[in-house]
Amino acid sequence: MNYEVVTFLSMNGRGAEAIAFYTEHLQANVVFKVTYEDMKKMDPAMVIEPGREQWISHSILEVGVHKIMLAEESMVPKLDYIVGNNTSLCIQSADKQEIERIYHSLVGDPRTEVITPLGPIVFSEAYGIVRDPFGVYMQLMYDKRLAKA
């Protein structure tokens, strides 16, 4: 297998606070952090609500031997934020075919709900979101940065 599964937390506007907390108390190392303002530089058409410029669009923390991904919004922003719908799994790989294989296997099961079809997005050539039959949201992402140098 040529992929990893990472816990993804949605923080509902408290991302920077959570990063500071995990850094202080768990000695987390911030590997990557992008704000909405940073995303707007990549996609000038992006609309940001006033006061949310410094919200976390995406971040990666190393905590011990594990990774945690953290952002502000849940996988389905139209749903009310409650503890429980703020956690998902992020399946990522530098092997785009592996991500496509996993995605098509998941959506081949009629009980799997497609939230965002797998396709290109500003930060990935292949990104999608599904909800499995047990209510678990899964993000699938091709990330060439994971390739071994």
Protein backbone atom coordinates (compact mmCIF):
# COMPACT_ATOMS: atom_id res chain seq x y z
CA MET A 1 0.00 0.00 0.00
CA ASN A 2 1.28 3.38 -0.95
CA TYR A 3 -0.88 5.78 1.06
CA GLU A 4 -1.47 7.08 4.57
CA VAL A 5 -4.60 7.77 6.62
CA VAL A 6 -4.52 10.91 8.77
CA THR A 7 -7.06 12.20 11.30
CA PHE A 8 -8.59 15.49 10.10
CA LEU A 9 -10.14 17.90 12.60
CA SER A 10 -12.50 20.77 11.68
CA MET A 11 -12.27 23.52 14.28
CA ASN A 12 -15.12 25.94 13.47
CA GLY A 13 -13.05 29.14 13.67
CA ARG A 14 -10.75 27.97 16.46
CA GLY A 15 -7.98 26.50 14.30
CA ALA A 16 -5.19 28.85 15.35
CA GLU A 17 -6.17 28.33 18.99
CA ALA A 18 -6.10 24.54 18.53
CA ILE A 19 -2.69 24.67 16.85
CA ALA A 20 -1.31 26.72 19.74
CA PHE A 21 -2.84 24.29 22.25
CA TYR A 22 -1.45 21.16 20.55
CA THR A 23 1.93 22.82 20.09
CA GLU A 24 2.13 23.76 23.76
CA HIS A 25 0.69 20.64 25.36
CA LEU A 26 1.56 17.87 22.90
CA GLN A 27 4.78 19.39 21.55
CA ALA A 28 3.25 19.25 18.08
CA ASN A 29 5.38 20.45 15.21
CA VAL A 30 3.59 22.63 12.61
CA VAL A 31 4.65 21.13 9.28
CA PHE A 32 2.31 23.16 7.09
CA LYS A 33 -0.21 25.95 7.60
CA VAL A 34 -2.26 27.92 5.08
CA THR A 35 -4.78 30.64 5.96
CA TYR A 36 -7.77 31.76 3.90
CA GLU A 37 -5.74 34.85 3.03
CA ASP A 38 -2.98 32.59 1.64
CA MET A 39 -5.57 30.65 -0.40
CA LYS A 40 -6.88 33.90 -1.89
CA LYS A 41 -3.38 34.56 -3.23
CA MET A 42 -3.58 31.20 -5.05
CA ASP A 43 -7.16 31.80 -6.21
CA PRO A 44 -7.98 35.55 -6.44
CA ALA A 45 -11.65 34.70 -7.16
CA MET A 46 -12.03 33.20 -3.67
CA VAL A 47 -14.45 35.14 -1.48
CA ILE A 48 -13.55 35.40 2.21
CA GLU A 49 -16.01 36.61 4.84
CA PRO A 50 -14.65 39.67 6.67
CA GLY A 51 -12.83 38.63 9.83
CA ARG A 52 -11.95 35.17 8.50
CA GLU A 53 -8.76 36.07 6.64
CA GLN A 54 -6.55 34.36 9.24
CA TRP A 55 -8.76 31.28 9.58
CA ILE A 56 -6.90 28.07 8.85
CA SER A 57 -7.65 26.63 5.43
CA HIS A 58 -5.36 23.65 5.97
CA SER A 59 -2.59 22.64 8.32
CA ILE A 60 -0.56 19.57 9.17
CA LEU A 61 0.82 18.90 12.63
CA GLU A 62 3.22 16.14 13.60
CA VAL A 63 2.32 14.81 17.04
CA GLY A 64 4.75 12.13 18.10
CA VAL A 65 4.89 9.68 15.22
CA HIS A 66 1.45 10.65 13.92
CA LYS A 67 0.00 13.49 11.85
CA ILE A 68 -3.11 15.54 12.49
CA MET A 69 -4.65 17.72 9.79
CA LEU A 70 -6.62 20.70 10.95
CA ALA A 71 -8.80 23.34 9.28
CA GLU A 72 -11.81 25.48 10.16
CA GLU A 73 -14.71 24.10 8.13
CA SER A 74 -16.31 20.68 8.29
CA MET A 75 -16.52 18.43 5.25
CA VAL A 76 -20.12 19.53 4.71
CA PRO A 77 -20.17 23.26 5.56
CA LYS A 78 -23.97 23.47 5.15
CA LEU A 79 -24.43 21.21 8.20
CA ASP A 80 -24.43 22.77 11.66
CA TYR A 81 -21.13 22.30 13.44
CA ILE A 82 -21.35 19.81 16.28
CA VAL A 83 -18.68 17.75 17.95
CA GLY A 84 -18.83 14.51 16.02
CA ASN A 85 -19.15 15.93 12.51
CA ASN A 86 -15.86 17.76 12.92
CA THR A 87 -13.68 14.68 12.39
CA SER A 88 -12.81 12.89 9.16
CA LEU A 89 -10.11 10.67 7.75
CA CYS A 90 -7.78 12.01 5.06
CA ILE A 91 -6.41 9.32 2.78
CA GLN A 92 -3.51 10.76 0.84
CA SER A 93 -0.79 9.51 -1.45
CA ALA A 94 1.84 10.68 -3.92
CA ASP A 95 0.45 7.96 -6.19
CA LYS A 96 -2.52 9.48 -8.03
CA GLN A 97 -3.62 6.10 -9.39
CA GLU A 98 -3.80 4.73 -5.84
CA ILE A 99 -6.12 7.59 -4.78
CA GLU A 100 -8.26 7.03 -7.86
CA ARG A 101 -8.41 3.27 -7.13
CA ILE A 102 -9.50 3.80 -3.52
CA TYR A 103 -12.06 6.46 -4.51
CA HIS A 104 -13.64 4.27 -7.21
CA SER A 105 -13.70 1.29 -4.87
CA LEU A 106 -15.50 3.34 -2.21
CA VAL A 107 -18.04 4.91 -4.56
CA GLY A 108 -18.64 1.52 -6.20
CA ASP A 109 -20.49 0.58 -3.02
CA PRO A 110 -24.02 1.99 -3.36
CA ARG A 111 -24.08 2.81 0.36
CA THR A 112 -21.24 5.36 -0.04
CA GLU A 113 -22.36 8.97 -0.51
CA VAL A 114 -20.27 11.27 -2.73
CA ILE A 115 -19.92 14.67 -1.09
CA THR A 116 -17.34 16.11 -3.49
CA PRO A 117 -16.49 14.12 -6.64
CA LEU A 118 -12.80 13.32 -7.13
CA GLY A 119 -11.26 15.99 -9.34
CA PRO A 120 -8.78 18.84 -9.52
CA ILE A 121 -8.88 21.64 -6.95
CA VAL A 122 -6.52 24.54 -6.26
CA PHE A 123 -4.30 22.46 -3.94
CA SER A 124 -4.47 19.02 -5.60
CA GLU A 125 -4.86 17.40 -9.01
CA ALA A 126 -7.23 14.87 -7.42
CA TYR A 127 -9.33 15.59 -4.32
CA GLY A 128 -12.71 14.27 -3.26
CA ILE A 129 -14.88 13.63 -0.21
CA VAL A 130 -17.17 10.67 0.49
CA ARG A 131 -19.22 9.50 3.46
CA ASP A 132 -19.03 5.79 4.10
CA PRO A 133 -22.02 3.64 5.15
CA PHE A 134 -21.12 4.24 8.81
CA GLY A 135 -21.20 8.04 8.63
CA VAL A 136 -17.42 8.50 8.46
CA TYR A 137 -16.29 11.28 6.13
CA MET A 138 -13.21 10.47 4.08
CA GLN A 139 -11.16 12.93 2.11
CA LEU A 140 -9.07 11.45 -0.67
CA MET A 141 -6.15 13.50 -1.92
CA TYR A 142 -3.29 13.12 -4.34
CA ASP A 143 -0.34 14.98 -2.81
CA LYS A 144 2.88 14.89 -4.82
CA ARG A 145 4.73 16.40 -1.83
CA LEU A 146 4.55 12.96 -0.19
CA ALA A 147 6.83 11.45 -2.86
CA LYS A 148 10.06 10.11 -1.42
CA ALA A 149 12.96 12.28 -2.54
